[in-house]
Amino acid sequence: MFPSVEPSEVGLTGLLWLFLSYGYVLYQASNLISEGSDLLMLVPSMAGLVGGVVLPLLGAVPDGAIMLFSGLGDIESAQETLSVGVGALAGSTIMLLTVPWAMSIFAGRVDNGLNGKPNYMGKPKLANPTSWVPLKNTGVALTEEVNHGATIMMITTIPYFIIQIPSLFLHGPTEEVAKAEKYWAAAGFFVCLIGFVSYLALQVQVSNKGMDRMKRVAVMKKLLGEGKLSLSGCLAETLKREEHRSVNTSDGTYQALGEGDSSILYPPPSAEVYLKEVLYEPFQKYDSDSNGSLEKNEFIMFLKDFHESITEEDVDELFGKYDSNGDGTISYEEFIGICYTMIMQVHSLEHASAHDDVVPTPQTARMPQADTEFATSILGSRAEDEEEEVPEDISSLSPQEQQVAIKKRAFTLLFIGTFLVILFSDPMVDVMQEIAVRSNLSPFYVSFILAPLASNASEVIASQYYASKKTRKTITVSLTALEGAASMNNTFCLSIFMGLIYFRGLAWQYTAETIAIVAVQFIMGFAAQSDSMSVLTGCFVLSIFPLSILFVATLEALGFD
């Protein structure tokens, strides 16, 4: 199976080249899976499935593939290379709960208030961003979601005890140990599956209730900031979905300023939450004079940067409707109302055109009516050739077309990423095994350090991106994602090992490694039960990663297998 280069047949530089090449491919594959998953978060009709199943499952695929291939092949070599998989499991779990966790604390830190808790309302949020001195006086908030995620993570460690406790009392040749562990592994396998399904069911429930809004909003802000989507393309379907929910609960649209003009619409509360969370930072950014309102030129710049084409006449019309005091500026509430009206009118026009089999372009969709004229104008012009090789160009499409493009691109990225992971995980295991042989080290230590560099790099980068926004919600997104990855390792990835032990007759002889994995998760689980975490604590968290390696080596030196 390609690639077919045998690591044992190359020199030292060739082995290094193989590791860097395979590692880079796996890193890029992990990024493709991550980006595809993020894009699917913007498809409201798939919210429960994506948030509950796709994101957790595909996030664990790179680690799971390495662990699976470590136990394949003939029995003699499989028992040896299984250490690579265990190292990948331990390295992934411990690394995610320490290194990116500590980096997220540092990236997301804010000054503490008078009550000693992180003050997210301070201006600036961090007085001395380049100073390491106030380690105890800066930190991040740990919300209820983080506390809850830590509890779930600790509960999902149960399968480790099922296989490890019997293993403590089993001694003798590997074949006899494997035979005695077989049915304990079967029990662990089923408990892992139960935990895996239960975890996914919980995530689906959370997603369907809209409790994953923080993650969804964070993804929206990220893609809008990168210019990959237009404002209407990013929010139209979500706002329409929230509007339907509001109608079903008699929420409806409302007029926040209490005006009598029925043409001045404001979003229902559930849709307003999305708009305000996504648009608060842009409003602050484009309010160049910091007077709490936007002038016409500032608003036009905002629309241009967010890929919404609109004429000056349409801006005048909008300002005439929403500028309640007639001073030529719009407040934050009025800004939200204008954006809501723009997005929903574009959405309505597209659906009307679709029923008439008309493609909404500036030439065919512009009508005499003022509202229709305005709605058509913000669809923007499109090039005749819509088949672009650069995916970012989907921001120039209409919202409905962007939704189609999002799905197409997301599934393409997920397929390519998963295919590359499956293709290159097996040779990567062989490379790490060969590195261990030539360096005279246990394969566990090699994969403990090297495997996460390839398979978990995307999680590290994503956690830093969200944490750097320095808000309570984004640090929650960052830390709960790391906890979720650990829970998936405890269920999905560990089930692979339990299956290998049962079906292939391999032995679980990893007492020191198991103690380290479980101990780190309980240390972090209890630490995450507080309501805040300082940078000083983050430094301790960072030190756990190298200390865990020393801990494993010490236990093995004391006779723990």
Protein backbone atom coordinates (compact mmCIF):
# COMPACT_ATOMS: atom_id res chain seq x y z
CA MET A 1 0.00 0.00 0.00
CA PHE A 2 1.36 3.41 -0.95
CA PRO A 3 3.56 4.90 0.49
CA SER A 4 5.81 1.82 0.41
CA VAL A 5 9.23 3.08 1.55
CA GLU A 6 10.57 0.67 4.20
CA PRO A 7 11.97 2.72 7.16
CA SER A 8 14.51 0.02 8.02
CA GLU A 9 16.08 0.30 4.57
CA VAL A 10 16.91 4.03 4.69
CA GLY A 11 19.66 5.91 6.46
CA LEU A 12 19.34 8.36 9.32
CA THR A 13 18.61 11.35 7.10
CA GLY A 14 16.17 9.28 5.07
CA LEU A 15 14.37 8.25 8.26
CA LEU A 16 14.18 11.88 9.35
CA TRP A 17 12.83 12.83 5.94
CA LEU A 18 10.17 10.12 6.14
CA PHE A 19 9.07 11.30 9.58
CA LEU A 20 8.88 14.93 8.51
CA SER A 21 7.08 14.04 5.28
CA TYR A 22 4.50 11.73 6.87
CA GLY A 23 4.12 14.07 9.83
CA TYR A 24 3.47 17.03 7.55
CA VAL A 25 0.85 15.11 5.57
CA LEU A 26 -0.91 14.01 8.77
CA TYR A 27 -0.75 17.57 10.09
CA GLN A 28 -2.35 18.92 6.92
CA ALA A 29 -4.92 16.11 6.93
CA SER A 30 -5.83 17.01 10.50
CA ASN A 31 -6.24 20.64 9.44
CA LEU A 32 -8.49 19.62 6.55
CA ILE A 33 -10.71 17.64 8.91
CA SER A 34 -10.81 20.54 11.35
CA GLU A 35 -11.67 23.09 8.67
CA GLY A 36 -14.33 20.86 7.14
CA SER A 37 -15.90 20.32 10.55
CA ASP A 38 -15.92 24.07 11.22
CA LEU A 39 -17.68 24.74 7.92
CA LEU A 40 -20.41 22.22 8.74
CA MET A 41 -21.09 24.17 11.93
CA LEU A 42 -22.56 26.86 9.65
CA VAL A 43 -25.23 24.53 8.25
CA PRO A 44 -28.18 24.90 10.68
CA SER A 45 -30.10 21.94 9.26
CA MET A 46 -27.23 19.68 10.31
CA ALA A 47 -26.61 21.33 13.68
CA GLY A 48 -27.36 18.34 15.91
CA LEU A 49 -25.54 15.83 13.72
CA VAL A 50 -22.46 18.02 13.22
CA GLY A 51 -22.09 19.33 16.75
CA GLY A 52 -22.94 16.02 18.38
CA VAL A 53 -21.35 13.40 16.13
CA VAL A 54 -19.20 14.74 13.29
CA LEU A 55 -17.00 17.11 15.29
CA PRO A 56 -16.10 14.72 18.15
CA LEU A 57 -15.72 11.68 15.89
CA LEU A 58 -13.62 13.18 13.12
CA GLY A 59 -11.48 15.02 15.64
CA ALA A 60 -10.42 11.63 17.02
CA VAL A 61 -9.76 10.02 13.63
CA PRO A 62 -6.04 10.96 13.31
CA ASP A 63 -5.18 9.53 16.75
CA GLY A 64 -7.46 6.53 16.27
CA ALA A 65 -5.88 5.62 12.94
CA ILE A 66 -2.37 5.56 14.43
CA MET A 67 -3.61 3.40 17.30
CA LEU A 68 -5.40 0.99 14.98
CA PHE A 69 -2.45 0.45 12.66
CA SER A 70 -0.11 -0.02 15.64
CA GLY A 71 -1.89 -3.28 16.44
CA LEU A 72 -2.11 -4.73 12.94
CA GLY A 73 0.37 -7.01 11.18
CA ASP A 74 1.69 -10.33 12.48
CA ILE A 75 1.18 -11.00 16.19
CA GLU A 76 4.86 -10.81 17.18
CA SER A 77 5.46 -7.41 15.62
CA ALA A 78 1.98 -6.16 16.56
CA GLN A 79 2.66 -6.71 20.27
CA GLU A 80 5.79 -4.61 19.91
CA THR A 81 4.33 -1.83 17.76
CA LEU A 82 1.29 -1.63 20.04
CA SER A 83 3.54 0.45 22.28
CA VAL A 84 3.55 3.08 19.54
CA GLY A 85 -0.23 3.27 19.74
CA VAL A 86 -0.25 3.44 23.54
CA GLY A 87 2.35 6.20 23.36
CA ALA A 88 0.17 8.07 20.87
CA LEU A 89 -2.84 7.66 23.18
CA ALA A 90 -0.94 8.83 26.25
CA GLY A 91 0.87 11.60 24.41
CA SER A 92 -2.29 12.89 22.79
CA THR A 93 -4.34 12.85 25.99
CA ILE A 94 -1.69 14.29 28.29
CA MET A 95 -0.40 16.81 25.75
CA LEU A 96 -3.88 18.20 24.99
CA LEU A 97 -4.62 18.63 28.69
CA THR A 98 -1.34 20.35 29.46
CA VAL A 99 0.52 22.18 26.68
CA PRO A 100 -2.39 23.78 24.74
CA TRP A 101 -4.32 24.20 28.00
CA ALA A 102 -1.48 26.24 29.50
CA MET A 103 -0.99 28.13 26.23
CA SER A 104 -4.72 28.92 26.16
CA ILE A 105 -4.51 30.35 29.68
CA PHE A 106 -1.60 32.56 28.67
CA ALA A 107 -3.21 33.62 25.37
CA GLY A 108 -6.61 34.26 26.97
CA ARG A 109 -5.45 35.78 30.25
CA VAL A 110 -6.97 39.00 31.56
CA ASP A 111 -6.30 41.05 34.67
CA ASN A 112 -8.08 40.08 37.85
CA GLY A 113 -10.62 42.47 39.30
CA LEU A 114 -10.89 43.65 42.91
CA ASN A 115 -12.61 40.36 43.79
CA GLY A 116 -9.59 38.41 42.60
CA LYS A 117 -11.46 36.97 39.61
CA PRO A 118 -10.74 37.57 35.89
CA ASN A 119 -12.24 40.90 34.83
CA TYR A 120 -13.47 40.62 31.24
CA MET A 121 -15.08 44.06 31.36
CA GLY A 122 -11.83 45.90 32.01
CA LYS A 123 -10.36 48.32 29.47
CA PRO A 124 -7.80 47.21 28.60
CA LYS A 125 -8.42 43.63 29.59
CA LEU A 126 -4.68 43.07 30.07
CA ALA A 127 -2.62 46.01 31.26
CA ASN A 128 0.83 44.47 30.69
CA PRO A 129 0.56 41.94 27.83
CA THR A 130 4.34 41.49 27.56
CA SER A 131 4.98 40.98 31.27
CA TRP A 132 5.30 37.63 33.00
CA VAL A 133 5.49 39.15 36.47
CA PRO A 134 1.80 39.21 37.53
CA LEU A 135 1.40 35.43 37.27
CA LYS A 136 -1.11 35.28 40.12
CA ASN A 137 -2.96 38.44 39.15
CA THR A 138 -3.94 37.37 35.64
CA GLY A 139 -5.83 34.35 34.41
CA VAL A 140 -8.99 33.04 32.79
CA ALA A 141 -12.49 32.15 33.95
CA LEU A 142 -13.60 28.52 34.11
CA THR A 143 -17.29 28.40 33.33
CA GLU A 144 -19.87 25.78 34.24
CA GLU A 145 -19.36 24.19 30.80
CA VAL A 146 -15.66 23.68 31.57
CA ASN A 147 -16.49 22.20 34.99
CA HIS A 148 -19.04 19.87 33.39
CA GLY A 149 -16.63 18.80 30.63
CA ALA A 150 -13.97 17.96 33.23
CA THR A 151 -16.43 15.76 35.14
CA ILE A 152 -17.37 13.86 31.98
CA MET A 153 -13.69 13.41 31.15
CA MET A 154 -13.01 11.81 34.54
CA ILE A 155 -16.04 9.51 34.26
CA THR A 156 -14.90 8.26 30.86
CA THR A 157 -11.66 6.91 32.40
CA ILE A 158 -13.63 3.90 33.80
CA PRO A 159 -12.50 1.52 30.97
CA TYR A 160 -8.88 2.01 32.03
CA PHE A 161 -9.69 0.53 35.44
CA ILE A 162 -11.55 -2.41 33.86
CA ILE A 163 -8.45 -3.58 31.97
CA GLN A 164 -5.73 -2.31 34.29
CA ILE A 165 -6.84 -3.68 37.66
CA PRO A 166 -6.90 -7.34 36.46
CA SER A 167 -3.63 -6.73 34.63
CA LEU A 168 -1.92 -5.94 37.95
CA PHE A 169 -2.44 -9.52 39.09
CA LEU A 170 -1.49 -11.25 35.84
CA HIS A 171 2.09 -12.36 35.32
CA GLY A 172 3.97 -14.77 33.11
CA PRO A 173 4.56 -15.13 29.36
CA THR A 174 2.88 -12.59 27.10
CA GLU A 175 0.67 -15.23 25.51
CA GLU A 176 -0.74 -16.32 28.87
CA VAL A 177 -1.30 -12.73 29.99
CA ALA A 178 -3.09 -11.96 26.73
CA LYS A 179 -5.32 -15.02 27.14
CA ALA A 180 -6.23 -14.08 30.72
CA GLU A 181 -6.95 -10.46 29.76
CA LYS A 182 -9.14 -11.35 26.81
CA TYR A 183 -12.52 -11.18 28.49
CA TRP A 184 -11.60 -8.16 30.58
CA ALA A 185 -10.71 -6.47 27.31
CA ALA A 186 -14.11 -7.47 25.92
CA ALA A 187 -15.79 -5.88 28.94
CA GLY A 188 -13.68 -2.76 28.49
CA PHE A 189 -14.54 -2.69 24.80
CA PHE A 190 -18.28 -2.66 25.46
CA VAL A 191 -17.94 -0.07 28.23
CA CYS A 192 -15.94 2.10 25.84
CA LEU A 193 -18.67 1.76 23.21
CA ILE A 194 -21.37 2.60 25.76
CA GLY A 195 -19.37 5.62 26.89
CA PHE A 196 -18.73 6.64 23.28
CA VAL A 197 -22.40 6.43 22.26
CA SER A 198 -23.51 8.14 25.49
CA TYR A 199 -21.03 10.95 24.95
CA LEU A 200 -22.19 11.49 21.37
CA ALA A 201 -25.84 11.39 22.48
CA LEU A 202 -25.09 14.03 25.10
CA GLN A 203 -23.36 16.20 22.51
CA VAL A 204 -26.30 15.84 20.11
CA GLN A 205 -28.66 16.89 22.89
CA VAL A 206 -26.50 19.87 23.73
CA SER A 207 -26.27 20.86 20.07
CA ASN A 208 -30.01 20.49 19.38
CA LYS A 209 -30.80 22.71 22.35
CA GLY A 210 -28.52 25.39 20.92
CA MET A 211 -26.12 25.06 23.85
CA ASP A 212 -23.20 24.81 21.42
CA ARG A 213 -23.88 28.38 20.30
CA MET A 214 -20.53 29.57 21.66
CA LYS A 215 -18.66 27.20 19.35
CA ARG A 216 -20.88 28.08 16.39
CA VAL A 217 -20.45 31.82 16.96
CA ALA A 218 -16.69 31.42 17.36
CA VAL A 219 -16.51 29.61 14.02
CA MET A 220 -18.65 32.28 12.35
CA LYS A 221 -16.41 35.06 13.63
CA LYS A 222 -13.29 33.20 12.53
CA LEU A 223 -14.51 32.58 8.96
CA LEU A 224 -15.89 36.11 8.62
CA GLY A 225 -12.61 37.53 9.87
CA GLU A 226 -10.72 35.46 7.29
CA GLY A 227 -13.04 36.73 4.53
CA LYS A 228 -14.10 33.22 3.52
CA LEU A 229 -17.82 33.99 3.77
CA SER A 230 -20.06 36.99 3.44
CA LEU A 231 -22.13 38.24 6.35
CA SER A 232 -25.41 37.10 4.80
CA GLY A 233 -23.96 33.79 3.64
CA CYS A 234 -22.73 33.06 7.15
CA LEU A 235 -25.84 34.09 9.08
CA ALA A 236 -28.89 33.83 6.79
CA GLU A 237 -29.79 30.19 7.40
CA THR A 238 -29.07 30.41 11.12
CA LEU A 239 -31.23 33.52 11.54
CA LYS A 240 -34.04 31.95 9.53
CA ARG A 241 -33.89 28.88 11.75
CA GLU A 242 -34.01 31.00 14.89
CA GLU A 243 -36.88 33.02 13.43
CA HIS A 244 -38.89 29.82 12.90
CA ARG A 245 -38.17 28.80 16.48
CA SER A 246 -39.38 32.19 17.68
CA VAL A 247 -42.60 31.92 15.66
CA ASN A 248 -43.26 28.51 17.19
CA THR A 249 -42.79 29.97 20.67
CA SER A 250 -44.78 33.14 19.88
CA ASP A 251 -41.61 35.19 20.11
CA GLY A 252 -41.86 36.72 16.64
CA THR A 253 -39.98 39.76 15.49
CA TYR A 254 -40.11 42.86 17.63
CA GLN A 255 -39.41 46.56 17.44
CA ALA A 256 -36.73 47.25 19.98
CA LEU A 257 -37.05 51.01 19.81
CA GLY A 258 -40.80 51.00 20.07
CA GLU A 259 -41.42 52.82 16.79
CA GLY A 260 -44.67 52.42 14.93
CA ASP A 261 -43.26 51.95 11.45
CA SER A 262 -43.93 48.29 10.66
CA SER A 263 -41.18 48.28 8.02
CA ILE A 264 -38.58 48.74 10.73
CA LEU A 265 -37.91 45.19 11.87
CA TYR A 266 -35.68 43.95 14.62
CA PRO A 267 -34.70 40.32 15.25
CA PRO A 268 -36.46 38.03 17.71
CA PRO A 269 -34.44 37.45 20.90
CA SER A 270 -32.93 34.10 19.84
CA ALA A 271 -31.71 35.55 16.52
CA GLU A 272 -30.60 38.75 18.22
CA VAL A 273 -28.23 36.73 20.41
CA TYR A 274 -26.38 35.43 17.34
CA LEU A 275 -26.22 38.85 15.69
CA LYS A 276 -24.94 40.62 18.77
CA GLU A 277 -22.32 37.99 19.55
CA VAL A 278 -21.03 37.96 15.97
CA LEU A 279 -21.23 41.70 15.31
CA TYR A 280 -20.21 43.28 18.60
CA GLU A 281 -16.49 43.28 17.86
CA PRO A 282 -16.91 44.53 14.25
CA PHE A 283 -19.13 47.35 15.52
CA GLN A 284 -16.43 48.38 17.99
CA LYS A 285 -13.78 48.11 15.30
CA TYR A 286 -15.56 50.27 12.71
CA ASP A 287 -16.65 52.82 15.30
CA SER A 288 -13.39 54.66 14.67
CA ASP A 289 -14.20 57.64 16.88
CA SER A 290 -15.51 55.40 19.70
CA ASN A 291 -18.71 57.38 20.14
CA GLY A 292 -20.98 54.34 20.30
CA SER A 293 -22.44 54.84 16.83
CA LEU A 294 -21.53 54.32 13.17
CA GLU A 295 -21.54 57.01 10.52
CA LYS A 296 -22.44 56.19 6.92
CA ASN A 297 -18.85 55.90 5.73
CA GLU A 298 -18.01 53.58 8.64
CA PHE A 299 -21.04 51.42 7.87
CA ILE A 300 -20.16 51.25 4.16
CA MET A 301 -16.61 50.14 5.06
CA PHE A 302 -18.08 47.43 7.29
CA LEU A 303 -20.28 46.14 4.45
CA LYS A 304 -17.39 46.15 2.01
CA ASP A 305 -15.12 44.19 4.34
CA PHE A 306 -17.88 41.66 5.01
CA HIS A 307 -18.55 41.15 1.29
CA GLU A 308 -21.95 42.84 1.17
CA SER A 309 -22.39 45.06 -1.92
CA ILE A 310 -24.75 47.97 -1.37
CA THR A 311 -25.21 51.31 -3.12
CA GLU A 312 -25.02 54.68 -1.41
CA GLU A 313 -28.73 55.20 -2.17
CA ASP A 314 -29.59 52.02 -0.29
CA VAL A 315 -27.47 53.12 2.66
CA ASP A 316 -29.38 56.41 2.70
CA GLU A 317 -32.67 54.52 2.69
CA LEU A 318 -31.58 52.29 5.57
CA PHE A 319 -30.30 55.17 7.63
CA GLY A 320 -33.56 57.01 6.99
CA LYS A 321 -35.48 54.04 8.41
CA TYR A 322 -33.31 53.16 11.40
CA ASP A 323 -31.75 56.49 12.40
CA SER A 324 -34.37 57.30 15.04
CA ASN A 325 -32.95 60.69 16.05
CA GLY A 326 -31.97 61.80 12.54
CA ASP A 327 -28.34 62.62 13.39
CA GLY A 328 -26.91 60.66 10.46
CA THR A 329 -25.53 57.86 12.63
CA ILE A 330 -26.84 54.53 13.90
CA SER A 331 -26.53 53.12 17.40
CA TYR A 332 -25.58 49.52 18.16
CA GLU A 333 -29.25 48.45 18.42
CA GLU A 334 -30.02 50.17 15.11
CA PHE A 335 -26.96 48.54 13.54
CA ILE A 336 -28.24 45.12 14.60
CA GLY A 337 -31.64 45.93 13.11
CA ILE A 338 -30.17 47.02 9.78
CA CYS A 339 -28.00 43.90 9.50
CA TYR A 340 -30.96 41.68 10.35
CA THR A 341 -33.13 43.38 7.71
CA MET A 342 -30.43 43.13 5.05
CA ILE A 343 -29.75 39.46 5.67
CA MET A 344 -33.40 38.41 5.81
CA GLN A 345 -34.38 40.41 2.71
CA VAL A 346 -31.59 38.77 0.74
CA HIS A 347 -32.74 35.38 2.01
CA SER A 348 -36.37 36.10 1.07
CA LEU A 349 -35.43 37.38 -2.39
CA GLU A 350 -33.36 34.30 -3.12
CA HIS A 351 -36.16 31.93 -2.19
CA ALA A 352 -38.64 33.91 -4.24
CA SER A 353 -36.28 33.80 -7.22
CA ALA A 354 -35.72 30.07 -6.73
CA HIS A 355 -39.46 29.40 -6.93
CA ASP A 356 -39.60 31.39 -10.17
CA ASP A 357 -36.49 29.61 -11.51
CA VAL A 358 -34.69 32.93 -11.72
CA VAL A 359 -31.07 33.29 -10.75
CA PRO A 360 -30.77 36.40 -8.57
CA THR A 361 -28.17 38.51 -10.29
CA PRO A 362 -28.02 42.31 -10.35
CA GLN A 363 -29.33 42.27 -13.92
CA THR A 364 -32.34 39.96 -13.46
CA ALA A 365 -33.40 40.54 -9.89
CA ARG A 366 -33.54 44.32 -9.58
CA MET A 367 -37.19 45.41 -9.22
CA PRO A 368 -38.86 48.80 -9.03
CA GLN A 369 -39.86 48.35 -5.40
CA ALA A 370 -37.42 49.95 -2.99
CA ASP A 371 -37.00 46.98 -0.65
CA THR A 372 -36.55 44.50 -3.50
CA GLU A 373 -34.14 46.88 -5.16
CA PHE A 374 -32.12 47.15 -2.00
CA ALA A 375 -32.14 43.42 -1.32
CA THR A 376 -31.00 42.65 -4.85
CA SER A 377 -28.20 45.17 -4.67
CA ILE A 378 -26.54 43.54 -1.70
CA LEU A 379 -26.34 40.22 -3.47
CA GLY A 380 -23.32 41.66 -5.24
CA SER A 381 -22.00 40.93 -8.69
CA ARG A 382 -20.70 37.52 -9.63
CA ALA A 383 -18.24 36.57 -12.28
CA GLU A 384 -19.57 34.49 -15.15
CA ASP A 385 -17.24 31.69 -14.24
CA GLU A 386 -18.43 30.43 -10.85
CA GLU A 387 -16.16 27.41 -10.73
CA GLU A 388 -13.33 28.91 -8.74
CA GLU A 389 -10.28 26.94 -7.74
CA VAL A 390 -9.79 29.12 -4.65
CA PRO A 391 -12.50 28.20 -2.10
CA GLU A 392 -12.39 31.61 -0.40
CA ASP A 393 -14.18 33.02 -3.45
CA ILE A 394 -17.45 31.55 -2.22
CA SER A 395 -17.82 34.78 -0.26
CA SER A 396 -18.83 36.45 -3.54
CA LEU A 397 -21.76 34.06 -4.03
CA SER A 398 -25.28 34.68 -2.78
CA PRO A 399 -26.19 33.31 0.68
CA GLN A 400 -28.10 30.31 -0.64
CA GLU A 401 -25.28 29.46 -3.04
CA GLN A 402 -22.78 29.88 -0.22
CA GLN A 403 -24.67 27.30 1.84
CA VAL A 404 -24.43 24.84 -1.05
CA ALA A 405 -20.74 25.67 -1.51
CA ILE A 406 -20.13 25.29 2.24
CA LYS A 407 -21.57 21.76 2.25
CA LYS A 408 -19.66 20.78 -0.89
CA ARG A 409 -16.37 22.14 0.35
CA ALA A 410 -16.84 20.76 3.87
CA PHE A 411 -17.50 17.20 2.73
CA THR A 412 -14.62 17.42 0.25
CA LEU A 413 -12.21 18.53 2.97
CA LEU A 414 -13.45 15.84 5.35
CA PHE A 415 -13.09 13.12 2.73
CA ILE A 416 -9.60 14.17 1.64
CA GLY A 417 -8.43 14.63 5.23
CA THR A 418 -9.76 11.27 6.39
CA PHE A 419 -8.33 9.51 3.32
CA LEU A 420 -4.87 10.96 3.95
CA VAL A 421 -5.01 9.99 7.62
CA ILE A 422 -5.86 6.39 6.74
CA LEU A 423 -3.20 6.28 4.03
CA PHE A 424 -0.29 7.70 6.04
CA SER A 425 -0.97 6.52 9.61
CA ASP A 426 0.32 3.00 8.97
CA PRO A 427 3.72 4.05 7.55
CA MET A 428 3.98 6.68 10.30
CA VAL A 429 3.72 3.91 12.90
CA ASP A 430 6.54 2.04 11.15
CA VAL A 431 8.69 5.18 11.11
CA MET A 432 8.23 5.84 14.84
CA GLN A 433 8.96 2.20 15.59
CA GLU A 434 12.20 2.42 13.59
CA ILE A 435 13.17 5.67 15.34
CA ALA A 436 12.72 3.87 18.67
CA VAL A 437 14.90 0.94 17.53
CA ARG A 438 17.74 3.15 16.30
CA SER A 439 17.67 5.43 19.34
CA ASN A 440 17.45 2.44 21.69
CA LEU A 441 14.30 3.85 23.32
CA SER A 442 10.93 2.35 24.06
CA PRO A 443 8.48 3.03 21.18
CA PHE A 444 6.17 4.46 23.84
CA TYR A 445 8.41 7.46 24.53
CA VAL A 446 9.00 8.15 20.85
CA SER A 447 5.32 8.20 19.93
CA PHE A 448 4.41 9.97 23.20
CA ILE A 449 6.38 12.98 22.04
CA LEU A 450 6.23 12.77 18.24
CA ALA A 451 2.70 11.51 17.45
CA PRO A 452 0.83 14.51 18.93
CA LEU A 453 2.94 16.89 16.83
CA ALA A 454 1.27 15.53 13.71
CA SER A 455 -2.17 14.42 14.86
CA ASN A 456 -3.06 17.13 17.38
CA ALA A 457 -1.49 20.25 15.92
CA SER A 458 -4.82 21.54 14.61
CA GLU A 459 -6.40 21.36 18.09
CA VAL A 460 -3.48 23.31 19.53
CA ILE A 461 -3.74 26.03 16.87
CA ALA A 462 -7.54 26.26 17.20
CA SER A 463 -7.42 26.52 20.98
CA GLN A 464 -4.91 29.37 20.76
CA TYR A 465 -7.02 31.21 18.20
CA TYR A 466 -10.17 31.10 20.33
CA ALA A 467 -8.39 31.83 23.61
CA SER A 468 -6.62 34.89 22.17
CA LYS A 469 -9.99 36.65 21.80
CA LYS A 470 -9.91 37.10 25.59
CA THR A 471 -13.60 36.59 26.31
CA ARG A 472 -15.31 34.26 28.75
CA LYS A 473 -17.06 32.50 25.88
CA THR A 474 -14.03 31.93 23.68
CA ILE A 475 -11.90 30.56 26.51
CA THR A 476 -14.80 28.20 27.23
CA VAL A 477 -14.78 27.05 23.60
CA SER A 478 -11.02 26.51 23.77
CA LEU A 479 -10.90 24.52 27.01
CA THR A 480 -14.05 22.43 26.48
CA ALA A 481 -12.69 21.34 23.08
CA LEU A 482 -9.55 20.02 24.82
CA GLU A 483 -11.65 18.21 27.43
CA GLY A 484 -13.83 16.76 24.70
CA ALA A 485 -10.77 15.46 22.86
CA ALA A 486 -9.62 13.70 26.04
CA SER A 487 -13.08 12.15 26.51
CA MET A 488 -12.99 10.85 22.94
CA ASN A 489 -9.57 9.32 23.61
CA ASN A 490 -11.02 7.59 26.67
CA THR A 491 -13.90 6.10 24.68
CA PHE A 492 -13.39 5.93 20.92
CA CYS A 493 -9.59 5.53 20.87
CA LEU A 494 -9.38 3.24 23.90
CA SER A 495 -12.08 1.01 22.38
CA ILE A 496 -9.66 0.38 19.49
CA PHE A 497 -7.09 -0.98 21.94
CA MET A 498 -9.65 -3.08 23.77
CA GLY A 499 -10.74 -4.50 20.41
CA LEU A 500 -7.17 -5.28 19.40
CA ILE A 501 -6.50 -7.06 22.69
CA TYR A 502 -9.67 -9.13 22.43
CA PHE A 503 -9.80 -9.92 18.72
CA ARG A 504 -6.06 -10.25 18.06
CA GLY A 505 -4.98 -11.81 21.33
CA LEU A 506 -2.56 -9.03 22.29
CA ALA A 507 -1.55 -8.25 25.88
CA TRP A 508 -2.17 -5.03 27.82
CA GLN A 509 1.10 -4.53 29.71
CA TYR A 510 1.12 -0.81 30.24
CA THR A 511 0.62 -0.26 33.98
CA ALA A 512 2.94 2.74 34.27
CA GLU A 513 1.48 4.36 31.18
CA THR A 514 -2.11 3.81 32.33
CA ILE A 515 -1.43 5.26 35.79
CA ALA A 516 0.07 8.37 34.15
CA ILE A 517 -2.86 8.85 31.75
CA VAL A 518 -5.49 8.48 34.46
CA ALA A 519 -3.57 10.53 37.04
CA VAL A 520 -3.13 13.50 34.70
CA GLN A 521 -6.80 13.47 33.78
CA PHE A 522 -7.88 13.47 37.43
CA ILE A 523 -5.40 16.23 38.30
CA MET A 524 -6.73 18.39 35.48
CA GLY A 525 -10.32 17.31 36.12
CA PHE A 526 -10.25 18.49 39.73
CA ALA A 527 -8.26 21.63 38.84
CA ALA A 528 -10.95 22.55 36.27
CA GLN A 529 -13.69 22.46 38.93
CA SER A 530 -12.75 25.94 40.17
CA ASP A 531 -14.20 29.13 38.73
CA SER A 532 -10.89 30.54 37.49
CA MET A 533 -7.31 29.56 36.75
CA SER A 534 -4.31 31.87 37.04
CA VAL A 535 -1.29 32.02 34.77
CA LEU A 536 0.77 30.67 37.68
CA THR A 537 -1.43 27.57 37.74
CA GLY A 538 -1.03 27.42 33.97
CA CYS A 539 2.74 27.17 34.43
CA PHE A 540 2.20 24.16 36.71
CA VAL A 541 -0.14 22.63 34.10
CA LEU A 542 2.55 23.05 31.44
CA SER A 543 5.10 21.25 33.61
CA ILE A 544 2.84 18.18 33.88
CA PHE A 545 3.72 17.09 30.33
CA PRO A 546 7.47 16.53 30.87
CA LEU A 547 6.85 15.38 34.46
CA SER A 548 4.48 12.68 33.19
CA ILE A 549 7.29 11.21 31.07
CA LEU A 550 9.58 11.13 34.09
CA PHE A 551 6.74 9.60 36.11
CA VAL A 552 6.31 6.75 33.62
CA ALA A 553 10.07 6.12 33.50
CA THR A 554 10.21 6.05 37.30
CA LEU A 555 7.35 3.56 37.59
CA GLU A 556 8.93 1.31 34.98
CA ALA A 557 12.23 1.46 36.83
CA LEU A 558 10.37 0.34 39.95
CA GLY A 559 9.11 -2.73 38.13
CA PHE A 560 5.73 -1.66 36.80
CA ASP A 561 5.34 -3.06 33.26
